[in-house]
Amino acid sequence: MKLAAVAGALALTLSLGGCLPMAMFAQGNAGYRSSFGTAVASGEVNAFCLTPKLRFAIWNFEGQFGRKIVMNSGYRDGDHNEAAGGREHSYHMRCMAADFFIPGVPKDRLIAYAKSLDLVGGLGCYPGRDFIHVDVRDRPHGATGPTLFSGC
């Protein structure tokens, strides 16, 4: 049993090794609130409940663009999700989705990167808005990109 725990810790360390170092050098976002180490657009945003896979995806974005994300929406309870117009089984309610932007990075570059990142299972683009939706659902068998919706 101890060997399995050590092997698991080693696997986690190695998987973090690819994206965490670049994210560590990402520039911060002065002027935004912070929630559990993530810049957020308002005090209503819950950045605590994010799955490790979603955190890895966020770190990949931060490493790619050299800047921290600003989250518009993270975890939502049922009432918050309904008020936000979210879907009944929203990945936000499972800690598997975030809506975010990166100041100074054009939205079309975020979209293109999200489409290329294997961790991204769902992508929403929201025409007329400055943020994208990224979730880490499993992709359908054989899919080579994320499920696209909301204007992508």
Protein backbone atom coordinates (compact mmCIF):
# COMPACT_ATOMS: atom_id res chain seq x y z
CA MET A 1 0.00 0.00 0.00
CA LYS A 2 2.84 2.40 0.79
CA LEU A 3 4.40 1.68 -2.60
CA ALA A 4 1.16 2.67 -4.33
CA ALA A 5 1.06 5.97 -2.43
CA VAL A 6 4.66 6.74 -3.35
CA ALA A 7 3.99 5.83 -6.99
CA GLY A 8 0.92 8.09 -7.01
CA ALA A 9 2.87 11.00 -5.53
CA LEU A 10 5.62 10.50 -8.10
CA ALA A 11 3.11 10.40 -10.97
CA LEU A 12 1.48 13.63 -9.74
CA THR A 13 4.88 15.34 -9.44
CA LEU A 14 5.86 14.31 -12.96
CA SER A 15 2.54 15.42 -14.43
CA LEU A 16 2.87 18.81 -12.76
CA GLY A 17 6.40 19.13 -14.04
CA GLY A 18 5.28 19.84 -17.59
CA CYS A 19 2.97 22.81 -16.99
CA LEU A 20 3.60 24.20 -13.52
CA PRO A 21 7.07 25.67 -14.13
CA MET A 22 5.87 27.86 -17.01
CA ALA A 23 2.77 28.94 -15.05
CA MET A 24 5.02 30.00 -12.15
CA PHE A 25 6.55 32.68 -14.40
CA ALA A 26 3.19 34.06 -15.55
CA GLN A 27 2.66 37.71 -14.73
CA GLY A 28 0.01 38.52 -12.14
CA ASN A 29 -3.10 40.63 -12.67
CA ALA A 30 -2.89 43.71 -10.49
CA GLY A 31 -6.22 45.31 -9.74
CA TYR A 32 -8.20 42.07 -9.55
CA ARG A 33 -9.31 40.30 -6.39
CA SER A 34 -7.67 37.01 -5.50
CA SER A 35 -9.51 33.85 -4.53
CA PHE A 36 -7.35 30.91 -3.51
CA GLY A 37 -4.45 32.14 -5.66
CA THR A 38 -6.57 32.86 -8.72
CA ALA A 39 -7.42 36.37 -9.94
CA VAL A 40 -11.19 36.79 -10.06
CA ALA A 41 -13.40 39.41 -11.68
CA SER A 42 -15.61 39.83 -8.58
CA GLY A 43 -16.13 38.63 -5.04
CA GLU A 44 -18.90 36.35 -6.28
CA VAL A 45 -16.45 34.04 -8.08
CA ASN A 46 -15.54 30.81 -6.26
CA ALA A 47 -12.08 29.61 -7.32
CA PHE A 48 -11.68 27.14 -4.43
CA CYS A 49 -13.49 24.15 -5.87
CA LEU A 50 -11.57 23.33 -9.06
CA THR A 51 -10.55 19.79 -9.95
CA PRO A 52 -6.84 19.10 -10.41
CA LYS A 53 -7.42 18.56 -14.15
CA LEU A 54 -9.02 22.03 -14.43
CA ARG A 55 -6.15 23.59 -12.47
CA PHE A 56 -3.68 21.89 -14.86
CA ALA A 57 -5.58 23.31 -17.84
CA ILE A 58 -5.49 26.81 -16.31
CA TRP A 59 -1.76 26.49 -15.63
CA ASN A 60 -1.27 25.53 -19.28
CA PHE A 61 -3.02 28.72 -20.41
CA GLU A 62 -0.96 30.80 -17.99
CA GLY A 63 2.27 29.16 -19.11
CA GLN A 64 1.41 29.52 -22.80
CA PHE A 65 0.62 33.24 -22.58
CA GLY A 66 2.90 34.22 -19.69
CA ARG A 67 0.04 35.85 -17.79
CA LYS A 68 -2.42 34.79 -15.12
CA ILE A 69 -6.05 34.18 -16.02
CA VAL A 70 -8.89 36.24 -14.55
CA MET A 71 -11.84 34.02 -13.70
CA ASN A 72 -15.39 35.28 -14.29
CA SER A 73 -17.03 32.11 -13.02
CA GLY A 74 -15.78 28.98 -11.28
CA TYR A 75 -17.73 26.70 -8.97
CA ARG A 76 -21.48 27.39 -8.76
CA ASP A 77 -24.01 25.88 -6.41
CA GLY A 78 -27.45 25.09 -7.84
CA ASP A 79 -29.00 28.47 -7.01
CA HIS A 80 -26.04 30.43 -8.39
CA ASN A 81 -25.99 28.29 -11.52
CA GLU A 82 -29.70 28.88 -12.13
CA ALA A 83 -29.31 32.64 -11.59
CA ALA A 84 -26.38 32.68 -14.04
CA GLY A 85 -28.47 30.91 -16.68
CA GLY A 86 -26.32 27.77 -16.49
CA ARG A 87 -27.39 24.39 -17.78
CA GLU A 88 -29.07 21.95 -15.40
CA HIS A 89 -26.03 19.65 -15.20
CA SER A 90 -23.40 22.36 -15.61
CA TYR A 91 -19.76 21.39 -15.20
CA HIS A 92 -19.46 24.52 -13.02
CA MET A 93 -21.50 22.64 -10.40
CA ARG A 94 -18.97 19.77 -10.50
CA CYS A 95 -15.88 22.00 -10.06
CA MET A 96 -14.87 21.10 -13.63
CA ALA A 97 -15.43 24.43 -15.47
CA ALA A 98 -14.18 27.99 -15.48
CA ASP A 99 -15.05 31.06 -17.50
CA PHE A 100 -12.00 33.31 -17.86
CA PHE A 101 -10.01 35.79 -19.89
CA ILE A 102 -6.38 36.87 -19.86
CA PRO A 103 -5.88 40.65 -19.97
CA GLY A 104 -3.95 41.64 -23.08
CA VAL A 105 -4.49 38.32 -24.85
CA PRO A 106 -6.97 38.41 -27.74
CA LYS A 107 -9.90 36.07 -27.25
CA ASP A 108 -9.29 34.37 -30.61
CA ARG A 109 -5.84 33.27 -29.37
CA LEU A 110 -7.40 31.79 -26.21
CA ILE A 111 -9.93 29.94 -28.35
CA ALA A 112 -7.27 28.57 -30.69
CA TYR A 113 -5.14 27.40 -27.76
CA ALA A 114 -8.14 25.81 -26.01
CA LYS A 115 -8.93 23.84 -29.19
CA SER A 116 -5.37 22.47 -29.22
CA LEU A 117 -5.15 21.57 -25.52
CA ASP A 118 -5.99 17.92 -24.82
CA LEU A 119 -7.16 18.75 -21.28
CA VAL A 120 -10.06 20.85 -22.61
CA GLY A 121 -13.20 18.78 -23.08
CA GLY A 122 -15.69 21.59 -23.67
CA LEU A 123 -15.26 25.10 -25.03
CA GLY A 124 -17.73 27.98 -25.07
CA CYS A 125 -16.87 31.21 -26.88
CA TYR A 126 -19.77 33.65 -26.19
CA PRO A 127 -19.79 36.23 -29.01
CA GLY A 128 -19.68 39.78 -27.67
CA ARG A 129 -18.12 38.71 -24.35
CA ASP A 130 -14.44 38.94 -23.40
CA PHE A 131 -14.17 35.50 -21.78
CA ILE A 132 -14.23 31.85 -22.80
CA HIS A 133 -15.67 28.80 -21.04
CA VAL A 134 -13.36 25.84 -20.55
CA ASP A 135 -14.38 22.57 -18.97
CA VAL A 136 -12.51 19.33 -18.48
CA ARG A 137 -15.24 16.82 -19.32
CA ASP A 138 -14.12 13.64 -21.05
CA ARG A 139 -14.11 14.01 -24.80
CA PRO A 140 -16.27 11.60 -26.79
CA HIS A 141 -14.38 8.52 -27.99
CA GLY A 142 -12.34 9.41 -31.06
CA ALA A 143 -12.80 13.18 -30.72
CA THR A 144 -9.73 15.18 -31.70
CA GLY A 145 -10.92 18.42 -30.11
CA PRO A 146 -13.24 19.72 -27.44
CA THR A 147 -17.02 19.83 -27.68
CA LEU A 148 -17.79 23.31 -29.03
CA PHE A 149 -20.82 25.39 -28.09
CA SER A 150 -22.02 28.96 -27.59
CA GLY A 151 -20.59 30.61 -30.67
CA CYS A 152 -17.38 28.68 -31.26
